[in-house]
Amino acid sequence: MLKIISANLNGIRSAAKKGFFDWMGKQSPHFVCVQELKAQATDMTPEFLSPHGYHGHFHYAEKKGYSGVGIYSKYEPDAVRIGFGCEEFDAEGRYVQCDFGKLSVISLYCPSGSSSDERQQAKFRFMEIFLPHLQHLHACGQEIVICGDWNIAHKEIDLKNWKSNQKNSGFLPEERAWMTRLFNDIGWVDVYRALHPETTGDAYTWWSNRGQAWAKNVGWRIDYHVATRALAQTASRAGIYKDERFSDHAPLSIDYDFALHL
């Protein structure tokens, strides 16, 4: 049994103060993929680098207080890849991959386009450049799970106010079609949806800080485990933790009945 958690921290220092690492220790997961560190290497304390004795590997953004991803694992990986080979987006700290035998775990933070048209165009560039990498990963023969904040709600079921968001970043037709291509054409699996095909409000993982989005559960499902089919078929349980708030996202935990041979 493998427990894998994905969590957008919206700042590792902020999440730590709110108890994220205490909670993580109690979960005793095998892997934790974190996004939006908003920290540089010099900001990382021993607790951030190796909480509860976990091995930590990180991809920091060049811009201070921005982006950044990491993976915590109970095991020392066979190999670590920082970035996916695109200068523009590798500078933003969006991808780290750790290999453990036949299993690869990836922490991913896709760009958001909500702040400006310029950033939306950057998001479209990312999608175009990242797609061939996803095709290559899928064909490489490894079992892979890509955990992270994809910043796209795939279907109407994945956000509360889908009608009013059809022209907004995160639910644009081009973004949704791109996700469909990942699942239908390439063969990746949306693991949470495979386990819970009809769930609506309980599936949300992000809530705007505006208005009373959290109180009214006006949320979006934009955090995913995206896995190869054989690995996804071993998934037995998924949970979104909302009893405490560590950031504007909720951690997504999935258990896999997968034997890890190291």
C-alpha atoms as a PDB file:
ATOM      1  CA  MET A   1       0.000   0.000   0.000  1.00  0.00           C
ATOM      2  CA  LEU A   2       1.308   3.426  -0.969  1.00  0.00           C
ATOM      3  CA  LYS A   3      -0.174   6.658   0.385  1.00  0.00           C
ATOM      4  CA  ILE A   4       0.580   9.640  -1.850  1.00  0.00           C
ATOM      5  CA  ILE A   5      -0.451  13.197  -0.989  1.00  0.00           C
ATOM      6  CA  SER A   6      -0.554  16.286  -3.196  1.00  0.00           C
ATOM      7  CA  ALA A   7      -0.776  19.696  -1.531  1.00  0.00           C
ATOM      8  CA  ASN A   8      -0.470  23.242  -2.837  1.00  0.00           C
ATOM      9  CA  LEU A   9       0.934  25.051   0.192  1.00  0.00           C
ATOM     10  CA  ASN A  10       0.538  28.654  -0.995  1.00  0.00           C
ATOM     11  CA  GLY A  11       3.804  29.349   0.805  1.00  0.00           C
ATOM     12  CA  ILE A  12       5.717  26.696   2.719  1.00  0.00           C
ATOM     13  CA  ARG A  13       6.415  29.034   5.639  1.00  0.00           C
ATOM     14  CA  SER A  14       2.745  29.939   5.973  1.00  0.00           C
ATOM     15  CA  ALA A  15       1.608  26.295   5.714  1.00  0.00           C
ATOM     16  CA  ALA A  16       4.143  25.227   8.331  1.00  0.00           C
ATOM     17  CA  LYS A  17       2.822  27.825  10.792  1.00  0.00           C
ATOM     18  CA  LYS A  18      -0.682  26.464  10.197  1.00  0.00           C
ATOM     19  CA  GLY A  19       0.411  22.926  11.098  1.00  0.00           C
ATOM     20  CA  PHE A  20       0.971  21.270   7.740  1.00  0.00           C
ATOM     21  CA  PHE A  21       4.055  19.312   8.763  1.00  0.00           C
ATOM     22  CA  ASP A  22       2.445  18.154  12.014  1.00  0.00           C
ATOM     23  CA  TRP A  23      -0.478  16.831   9.977  1.00  0.00           C
ATOM     24  CA  MET A  24       1.840  15.280   7.397  1.00  0.00           C
ATOM     25  CA  GLY A  25       3.687  13.343  10.094  1.00  0.00           C
ATOM     26  CA  LYS A  26       0.437  11.915  11.443  1.00  0.00           C
ATOM     27  CA  GLN A  27      -0.560  10.735   7.948  1.00  0.00           C
ATOM     28  CA  SER A  28       2.707   8.824   7.528  1.00  0.00           C
ATOM     29  CA  PRO A  29       2.513   8.968   3.711  1.00  0.00           C
ATOM     30  CA  HIS A  30       5.092   7.350   1.461  1.00  0.00           C
ATOM     31  CA  PHE A  31       5.263  10.412  -0.799  1.00  0.00           C
ATOM     32  CA  VAL A  32       4.131  14.029  -0.509  1.00  0.00           C
ATOM     33  CA  CYS A  33       4.147  16.312  -3.531  1.00  0.00           C
ATOM     34  CA  VAL A  34       4.010  20.007  -2.651  1.00  0.00           C
ATOM     35  CA  GLN A  35       3.549  23.057  -4.839  1.00  0.00           C
ATOM     36  CA  GLU A  36       3.840  26.825  -4.530  1.00  0.00           C
ATOM     37  CA  LEU A  37       6.671  26.829  -2.018  1.00  0.00           C
ATOM     38  CA  LYS A  38       7.210  30.579  -2.466  1.00  0.00           C
ATOM     39  CA  ALA A  39      10.706  30.052  -1.075  1.00  0.00           C
ATOM     40  CA  GLN A  40      14.324  29.887  -2.187  1.00  0.00           C
ATOM     41  CA  ALA A  41      16.922  27.363  -1.075  1.00  0.00           C
ATOM     42  CA  THR A  42      18.194  29.852   1.521  1.00  0.00           C
ATOM     43  CA  ASP A  43      14.702  30.028   3.098  1.00  0.00           C
ATOM     44  CA  MET A  44      14.479  26.293   3.701  1.00  0.00           C
ATOM     45  CA  THR A  45      14.854  25.285   7.330  1.00  0.00           C
ATOM     46  CA  PRO A  46      15.771  21.723   8.396  1.00  0.00           C
ATOM     47  CA  GLU A  47      12.055  21.120   9.039  1.00  0.00           C
ATOM     48  CA  PHE A  48      11.218  22.184   5.492  1.00  0.00           C
ATOM     49  CA  LEU A  49      14.034  20.156   3.944  1.00  0.00           C
ATOM     50  CA  SER A  50      13.531  16.907   5.841  1.00  0.00           C
ATOM     51  CA  PRO A  51      10.378  16.839   7.998  1.00  0.00           C
ATOM     52  CA  HIS A  52      10.060  13.697  10.107  1.00  0.00           C
ATOM     53  CA  GLY A  53      13.157  12.277   8.422  1.00  0.00           C
ATOM     54  CA  TYR A  54      11.708  12.359   4.897  1.00  0.00           C
ATOM     55  CA  HIS A  55      13.979  12.890   1.908  1.00  0.00           C
ATOM     56  CA  GLY A  56      13.171  16.215   0.238  1.00  0.00           C
ATOM     57  CA  HIS A  57      13.904  17.274  -3.350  1.00  0.00           C
ATOM     58  CA  PHE A  58      12.900  20.679  -4.686  1.00  0.00           C
ATOM     59  CA  HIS A  59      12.707  22.889  -7.755  1.00  0.00           C
ATOM     60  CA  TYR A  60      12.867  26.535  -6.755  1.00  0.00           C
ATOM     61  CA  ALA A  61      11.757  29.448  -8.911  1.00  0.00           C
ATOM     62  CA  GLU A  62      14.382  32.037  -9.815  1.00  0.00           C
ATOM     63  CA  LYS A  63      11.919  34.779  -8.823  1.00  0.00           C
ATOM     64  CA  LYS A  64      11.749  35.250  -5.063  1.00  0.00           C
ATOM     65  CA  GLY A  65       8.506  34.395  -3.307  1.00  0.00           C
ATOM     66  CA  TYR A  66       7.135  32.629  -6.360  1.00  0.00           C
ATOM     67  CA  SER A  67       6.083  29.133  -7.377  1.00  0.00           C
ATOM     68  CA  GLY A  68       8.405  26.213  -6.525  1.00  0.00           C
ATOM     69  CA  VAL A  69       7.659  22.507  -6.078  1.00  0.00           C
ATOM     70  CA  GLY A  70       8.973  19.612  -4.023  1.00  0.00           C
ATOM     71  CA  ILE A  71       8.689  15.923  -3.239  1.00  0.00           C
ATOM     72  CA  TYR A  72       9.046  14.345   0.199  1.00  0.00           C
ATOM     73  CA  SER A  73       9.649  10.595   0.222  1.00  0.00           C
ATOM     74  CA  LYS A  74      10.289   7.894   2.791  1.00  0.00           C
ATOM     75  CA  TYR A  75      12.901   6.466   0.427  1.00  0.00           C
ATOM     76  CA  GLU A  76      15.989   7.891  -1.226  1.00  0.00           C
ATOM     77  CA  PRO A  77      15.200   8.069  -4.953  1.00  0.00           C
ATOM     78  CA  ASP A  78      17.258   6.300  -7.615  1.00  0.00           C
ATOM     79  CA  ALA A  79      17.230   9.481  -9.700  1.00  0.00           C
ATOM     80  CA  VAL A  80      15.941  13.045  -9.455  1.00  0.00           C
ATOM     81  CA  ARG A  81      15.029  15.334 -12.341  1.00  0.00           C
ATOM     82  CA  ILE A  82      14.657  19.049 -11.728  1.00  0.00           C
ATOM     83  CA  GLY A  83      12.680  20.754 -14.484  1.00  0.00           C
ATOM     84  CA  PHE A  84      11.410  19.210 -17.702  1.00  0.00           C
ATOM     85  CA  GLY A  85      13.748  20.876 -20.176  1.00  0.00           C
ATOM     86  CA  CYS A  86      12.028  24.164 -21.055  1.00  0.00           C
ATOM     87  CA  GLU A  87      14.072  27.219 -20.095  1.00  0.00           C
ATOM     88  CA  GLU A  88      11.101  29.572 -19.735  1.00  0.00           C
ATOM     89  CA  PHE A  89       9.138  27.397 -17.327  1.00  0.00           C
ATOM     90  CA  ASP A  90      12.034  25.684 -15.601  1.00  0.00           C
ATOM     91  CA  ALA A  91      13.019  29.162 -14.408  1.00  0.00           C
ATOM     92  CA  GLU A  92       9.636  29.273 -12.649  1.00  0.00           C
ATOM     93  CA  GLY A  93      10.198  26.105 -10.576  1.00  0.00           C
ATOM     94  CA  ARG A  94       7.335  23.934 -11.774  1.00  0.00           C
ATOM     95  CA  TYR A  95       8.574  20.318 -12.060  1.00  0.00           C
ATOM     96  CA  VAL A  96      10.462  17.786  -9.988  1.00  0.00           C
ATOM     97  CA  GLN A  97      10.559  14.046 -10.697  1.00  0.00           C
ATOM     98  CA  CYS A  98      11.853  11.285  -8.424  1.00  0.00           C
ATOM     99  CA  ASP A  99      12.294   7.695  -9.600  1.00  0.00           C
ATOM    100  CA  PHE A 100      11.938   4.723  -7.251  1.00  0.00           C
ATOM    101  CA  GLY A 101      12.471   1.462  -9.100  1.00  0.00           C
ATOM    102  CA  LYS A 102       9.627   1.122 -11.613  1.00  0.00           C
ATOM    103  CA  LEU A 103       7.688   4.021 -10.060  1.00  0.00           C
ATOM    104  CA  SER A 104       8.162   7.693 -10.877  1.00  0.00           C
ATOM    105  CA  VAL A 105       6.550  10.403  -8.736  1.00  0.00           C
ATOM    106  CA  ILE A 106       6.258  13.922 -10.147  1.00  0.00           C
ATOM    107  CA  SER A 107       5.249  17.165  -8.430  1.00  0.00           C
ATOM    108  CA  LEU A 108       3.835  19.662 -10.916  1.00  0.00           C
ATOM    109  CA  TYR A 109       2.619  23.241 -10.703  1.00  0.00           C
ATOM    110  CA  CYS A 110       1.008  24.375 -13.940  1.00  0.00           C
ATOM    111  CA  PRO A 111       0.858  28.117 -14.585  1.00  0.00           C
ATOM    112  CA  SER A 112      -2.223  30.129 -13.733  1.00  0.00           C
ATOM    113  CA  GLY A 113      -3.561  32.525 -16.317  1.00  0.00           C
ATOM    114  CA  SER A 114      -5.969  34.376 -14.075  1.00  0.00           C
ATOM    115  CA  SER A 115      -3.841  37.439 -13.329  1.00  0.00           C
ATOM    116  CA  SER A 116      -3.509  38.799 -16.879  1.00  0.00           C
ATOM    117  CA  ASP A 117      -3.803  37.953 -20.561  1.00  0.00           C
ATOM    118  CA  GLU A 118       0.002  37.818 -20.645  1.00  0.00           C
ATOM    119  CA  ARG A 119       0.003  35.017 -18.082  1.00  0.00           C
ATOM    120  CA  GLN A 120      -2.817  33.232 -19.914  1.00  0.00           C
ATOM    121  CA  GLN A 121      -0.716  33.246 -23.060  1.00  0.00           C
ATOM    122  CA  ALA A 122       2.180  31.850 -21.006  1.00  0.00           C
ATOM    123  CA  LYS A 123      -0.169  29.129 -19.751  1.00  0.00           C
ATOM    124  CA  PHE A 124      -1.076  28.219 -23.329  1.00  0.00           C
ATOM    125  CA  ARG A 125       2.647  28.061 -24.206  1.00  0.00           C
ATOM    126  CA  PHE A 126       3.231  25.767 -21.241  1.00  0.00           C
ATOM    127  CA  MET A 127       0.414  23.464 -22.332  1.00  0.00           C
ATOM    128  CA  GLU A 128       1.810  23.248 -25.861  1.00  0.00           C
ATOM    129  CA  ILE A 129       5.369  22.552 -24.679  1.00  0.00           C
ATOM    130  CA  PHE A 130       4.423  20.190 -21.859  1.00  0.00           C
ATOM    131  CA  LEU A 131       2.180  17.947 -23.977  1.00  0.00           C
ATOM    132  CA  PRO A 132       5.046  16.179 -25.814  1.00  0.00           C
ATOM    133  CA  HIS A 133       6.734  15.600 -22.450  1.00  0.00           C
ATOM    134  CA  LEU A 134       3.538  13.970 -21.174  1.00  0.00           C
ATOM    135  CA  GLN A 135       3.456  11.787 -24.282  1.00  0.00           C
ATOM    136  CA  HIS A 136       7.077  10.769 -23.756  1.00  0.00           C
ATOM    137  CA  LEU A 137       6.492   9.981 -20.074  1.00  0.00           C
ATOM    138  CA  HIS A 138       3.478   7.849 -20.860  1.00  0.00           C
ATOM    139  CA  ALA A 139       5.452   5.818 -23.389  1.00  0.00           C
ATOM    140  CA  CYS A 140       8.599   5.323 -21.293  1.00  0.00           C
ATOM    141  CA  GLY A 141       7.533   2.104 -19.557  1.00  0.00           C
ATOM    142  CA  GLN A 142       7.512   3.429 -15.986  1.00  0.00           C
ATOM    143  CA  GLU A 143       4.480   3.535 -13.724  1.00  0.00           C
ATOM    144  CA  ILE A 144       4.029   7.255 -13.081  1.00  0.00           C
ATOM    145  CA  VAL A 145       1.879   9.538 -10.967  1.00  0.00           C
ATOM    146  CA  ILE A 146       1.915  13.285 -11.595  1.00  0.00           C
ATOM    147  CA  CYS A 147       0.579  15.075  -8.531  1.00  0.00           C
ATOM    148  CA  GLY A 148      -0.103  18.734  -8.430  1.00  0.00           C
ATOM    149  CA  ASP A 149      -2.017  21.892  -9.112  1.00  0.00           C
ATOM    150  CA  TRP A 150      -2.949  21.755 -12.806  1.00  0.00           C
ATOM    151  CA  ASN A 151      -4.922  25.032 -12.590  1.00  0.00           C
ATOM    152  CA  ILE A 152      -7.662  23.592 -14.815  1.00  0.00           C
ATOM    153  CA  ALA A 153     -11.088  22.291 -13.843  1.00  0.00           C
ATOM    154  CA  HIS A 154     -11.734  19.615 -16.450  1.00  0.00           C
ATOM    155  CA  LYS A 155     -15.520  19.301 -16.545  1.00  0.00           C
ATOM    156  CA  GLU A 156     -18.660  21.086 -15.344  1.00  0.00           C
ATOM    157  CA  ILE A 157     -18.798  18.714 -12.373  1.00  0.00           C
ATOM    158  CA  ASP A 158     -15.408  20.050 -11.237  1.00  0.00           C
ATOM    159  CA  LEU A 159     -16.432  23.533 -10.129  1.00  0.00           C
ATOM    160  CA  LYS A 160     -19.419  25.135  -8.471  1.00  0.00           C
ATOM    161  CA  ASN A 161     -20.134  28.035 -10.835  1.00  0.00           C
ATOM    162  CA  TRP A 162     -19.246  26.479 -14.169  1.00  0.00           C
ATOM    163  CA  LYS A 163     -21.698  28.534 -16.236  1.00  0.00           C
ATOM    164  CA  SER A 164     -20.246  31.872 -15.192  1.00  0.00           C
ATOM    165  CA  ASN A 165     -16.629  30.683 -15.539  1.00  0.00           C
ATOM    166  CA  GLN A 166     -16.654  29.462 -19.135  1.00  0.00           C
ATOM    167  CA  LYS A 167     -14.656  32.493 -20.290  1.00  0.00           C
ATOM    168  CA  ASN A 168     -12.318  32.536 -17.275  1.00  0.00           C
ATOM    169  CA  SER A 169      -8.849  31.054 -16.937  1.00  0.00           C
ATOM    170  CA  GLY A 170      -8.989  27.566 -15.523  1.00  0.00           C
ATOM    171  CA  PHE A 171     -12.188  26.625 -17.333  1.00  0.00           C
ATOM    172  CA  LEU A 172     -11.567  27.841 -20.871  1.00  0.00           C
ATOM    173  CA  PRO A 173     -12.592  25.501 -23.712  1.00  0.00           C
ATOM    174  CA  GLU A 174      -8.961  25.216 -24.860  1.00  0.00           C
ATOM    175  CA  GLU A 175      -7.801  24.217 -21.381  1.00  0.00           C
ATOM    176  CA  ARG A 176     -10.539  21.651 -20.916  1.00  0.00           C
ATOM    177  CA  ALA A 177      -9.883  20.162 -24.375  1.00  0.00           C
ATOM    178  CA  TRP A 178      -6.201  19.847 -23.478  1.00  0.00           C
ATOM    179  CA  MET A 179      -7.087  17.855 -20.358  1.00  0.00           C
ATOM    180  CA  THR A 180      -9.430  15.654 -22.394  1.00  0.00           C
ATOM    181  CA  ARG A 181      -6.562  14.953 -24.777  1.00  0.00           C
ATOM    182  CA  LEU A 182      -4.369  13.796 -21.885  1.00  0.00           C
ATOM    183  CA  PHE A 183      -6.980  11.320 -20.726  1.00  0.00           C
ATOM    184  CA  ASN A 184      -8.648  10.207 -23.962  1.00  0.00           C
ATOM    185  CA  ASP A 185      -5.832  10.363 -26.519  1.00  0.00           C
ATOM    186  CA  ILE A 186      -2.622   9.779 -24.586  1.00  0.00           C
ATOM    187  CA  GLY A 187      -4.112   7.452 -21.986  1.00  0.00           C
ATOM    188  CA  TRP A 188      -3.408   9.128 -18.638  1.00  0.00           C
ATOM    189  CA  VAL A 189      -5.971   8.564 -15.864  1.00  0.00           C
ATOM    190  CA  ASP A 190      -7.552  11.138 -13.550  1.00  0.00           C
ATOM    191  CA  VAL A 191      -7.310   8.910 -10.470  1.00  0.00           C
ATOM    192  CA  TYR A 192      -9.745  10.758  -8.222  1.00  0.00           C
ATOM    193  CA  ARG A 193     -12.400  10.755 -10.958  1.00  0.00           C
ATOM    194  CA  ALA A 194     -11.839   7.059 -11.621  1.00  0.00           C
ATOM    195  CA  LEU A 195     -12.681   6.407  -7.967  1.00  0.00           C
ATOM    196  CA  HIS A 196     -15.448   9.022  -7.661  1.00  0.00           C
ATOM    197  CA  PRO A 197     -16.986   9.604 -11.100  1.00  0.00           C
ATOM    198  CA  GLU A 198     -20.037  11.530  -9.878  1.00  0.00           C
ATOM    199  CA  THR A 199     -18.808  13.495  -6.840  1.00  0.00           C
ATOM    200  CA  THR A 200     -19.285  17.266  -7.019  1.00  0.00           C
ATOM    201  CA  GLY A 201     -18.941  19.502  -3.942  1.00  0.00           C
ATOM    202  CA  ASP A 202     -16.854  17.068  -1.941  1.00  0.00           C
ATOM    203  CA  ALA A 203     -14.324  16.914  -4.790  1.00  0.00           C
ATOM    204  CA  TYR A 204     -13.226  20.564  -4.686  1.00  0.00           C
ATOM    205  CA  THR A 205      -9.607  21.254  -3.750  1.00  0.00           C
ATOM    206  CA  TRP A 206      -9.350  25.055  -4.090  1.00  0.00           C
ATOM    207  CA  TRP A 207     -11.464  27.990  -2.926  1.00  0.00           C
ATOM    208  CA  SER A 208     -10.964  31.656  -3.749  1.00  0.00           C
ATOM    209  CA  ASN A 209     -10.113  33.965  -0.870  1.00  0.00           C
ATOM    210  CA  ARG A 210     -12.716  36.365  -2.207  1.00  0.00           C
ATOM    211  CA  GLY A 211     -16.215  36.549  -0.802  1.00  0.00           C
ATOM    212  CA  GLN A 212     -17.234  33.543   1.250  1.00  0.00           C
ATOM    213  CA  ALA A 213     -16.078  30.876  -1.193  1.00  0.00           C
ATOM    214  CA  TRP A 214     -14.813  28.518   1.526  1.00  0.00           C
ATOM    215  CA  ALA A 215     -17.832  28.993   3.807  1.00  0.00           C
ATOM    216  CA  LYS A 216     -20.234  28.431   0.906  1.00  0.00           C
ATOM    217  CA  ASN A 217     -18.099  25.699  -0.708  1.00  0.00           C
ATOM    218  CA  VAL A 218     -17.829  27.609  -3.978  1.00  0.00           C
ATOM    219  CA  GLY A 219     -14.809  25.625  -5.062  1.00  0.00           C
ATOM    220  CA  TRP A 220     -12.858  24.188  -7.937  1.00  0.00           C
ATOM    221  CA  ARG A 221     -11.190  20.802  -8.427  1.00  0.00           C
ATOM    222  CA  ILE A 222      -7.809  21.768  -9.878  1.00  0.00           C
ATOM    223  CA  ASP A 223      -5.467  19.475  -7.900  1.00  0.00           C
ATOM    224  CA  TYR A 224      -5.022  16.014  -9.397  1.00  0.00           C
ATOM    225  CA  HIS A 225      -3.247  12.699  -9.297  1.00  0.00           C
ATOM    226  CA  VAL A 226      -2.731  11.898 -12.987  1.00  0.00           C
ATOM    227  CA  ALA A 227      -1.349   8.379 -13.396  1.00  0.00           C
ATOM    228  CA  THR A 228      -0.531   5.649 -15.864  1.00  0.00           C
ATOM    229  CA  ARG A 229      -3.404   3.228 -16.240  1.00  0.00           C
ATOM    230  CA  ALA A 230      -1.890   0.217 -14.476  1.00  0.00           C
ATOM    231  CA  LEU A 231      -0.993   2.311 -11.429  1.00  0.00           C
ATOM    232  CA  ALA A 232      -4.361   4.098 -11.433  1.00  0.00           C
ATOM    233  CA  GLN A 233      -6.176   0.756 -11.421  1.00  0.00           C
ATOM    234  CA  THR A 234      -4.568  -0.057  -8.056  1.00  0.00           C
ATOM    235  CA  ALA A 235      -6.004   3.082  -6.403  1.00  0.00           C
ATOM    236  CA  SER A 236      -8.289   2.061  -3.551  1.00  0.00           C
ATOM    237  CA  ARG A 237      -9.164   5.221  -1.624  1.00  0.00           C
ATOM    238  CA  ALA A 238      -9.084   8.975  -2.118  1.00  0.00           C
ATOM    239  CA  GLY A 239      -9.602  11.726   0.422  1.00  0.00           C
ATOM    240  CA  ILE A 240      -9.561  15.528   0.441  1.00  0.00           C
ATOM    241  CA  TYR A 241      -8.616  16.847   3.871  1.00  0.00           C
ATOM    242  CA  LYS A 242     -10.645  19.868   4.990  1.00  0.00           C
ATOM    243  CA  ASP A 243     -10.681  19.610   8.792  1.00  0.00           C
ATOM    244  CA  GLU A 244      -7.771  22.065   8.958  1.00  0.00           C
ATOM    245  CA  ARG A 245      -6.774  24.748   6.474  1.00  0.00           C
ATOM    246  CA  PHE A 246      -3.108  24.964   5.578  1.00  0.00           C
ATOM    247  CA  SER A 247      -3.633  27.099   2.454  1.00  0.00           C
ATOM    248  CA  ASP A 248      -6.352  28.024  -0.053  1.00  0.00           C
ATOM    249  CA  HIS A 249      -6.034  24.436  -1.355  1.00  0.00           C
ATOM    250  CA  ALA A 250      -6.881  21.183   0.437  1.00  0.00           C
ATOM    251  CA  PRO A 251      -4.488  18.188   0.377  1.00  0.00           C
ATOM    252  CA  LEU A 252      -5.520  15.316  -1.898  1.00  0.00           C
ATOM    253  CA  SER A 253      -4.509  11.865  -0.589  1.00  0.00           C
ATOM    254  CA  ILE A 254      -4.814   8.640  -2.578  1.00  0.00           C
ATOM    255  CA  ASP A 255      -3.903   5.100  -1.516  1.00  0.00           C
ATOM    256  CA  TYR A 256      -2.517   2.701  -4.114  1.00  0.00           C
ATOM    257  CA  ASP A 257      -2.277  -1.083  -3.718  1.00  0.00           C
ATOM    258  CA  PHE A 258       1.080  -0.993  -5.480  1.00  0.00           C
ATOM    259  CA  ALA A 259       4.114  -3.007  -4.464  1.00  0.00           C
ATOM    260  CA  LEU A 260       7.215  -0.857  -4.548  1.00  0.00           C
ATOM    261  CA  HIS A 261      10.337  -2.920  -5.204  1.00  0.00           C
ATOM    262  CA  LEU A 262      13.464  -0.935  -4.339  1.00  0.00           C
END
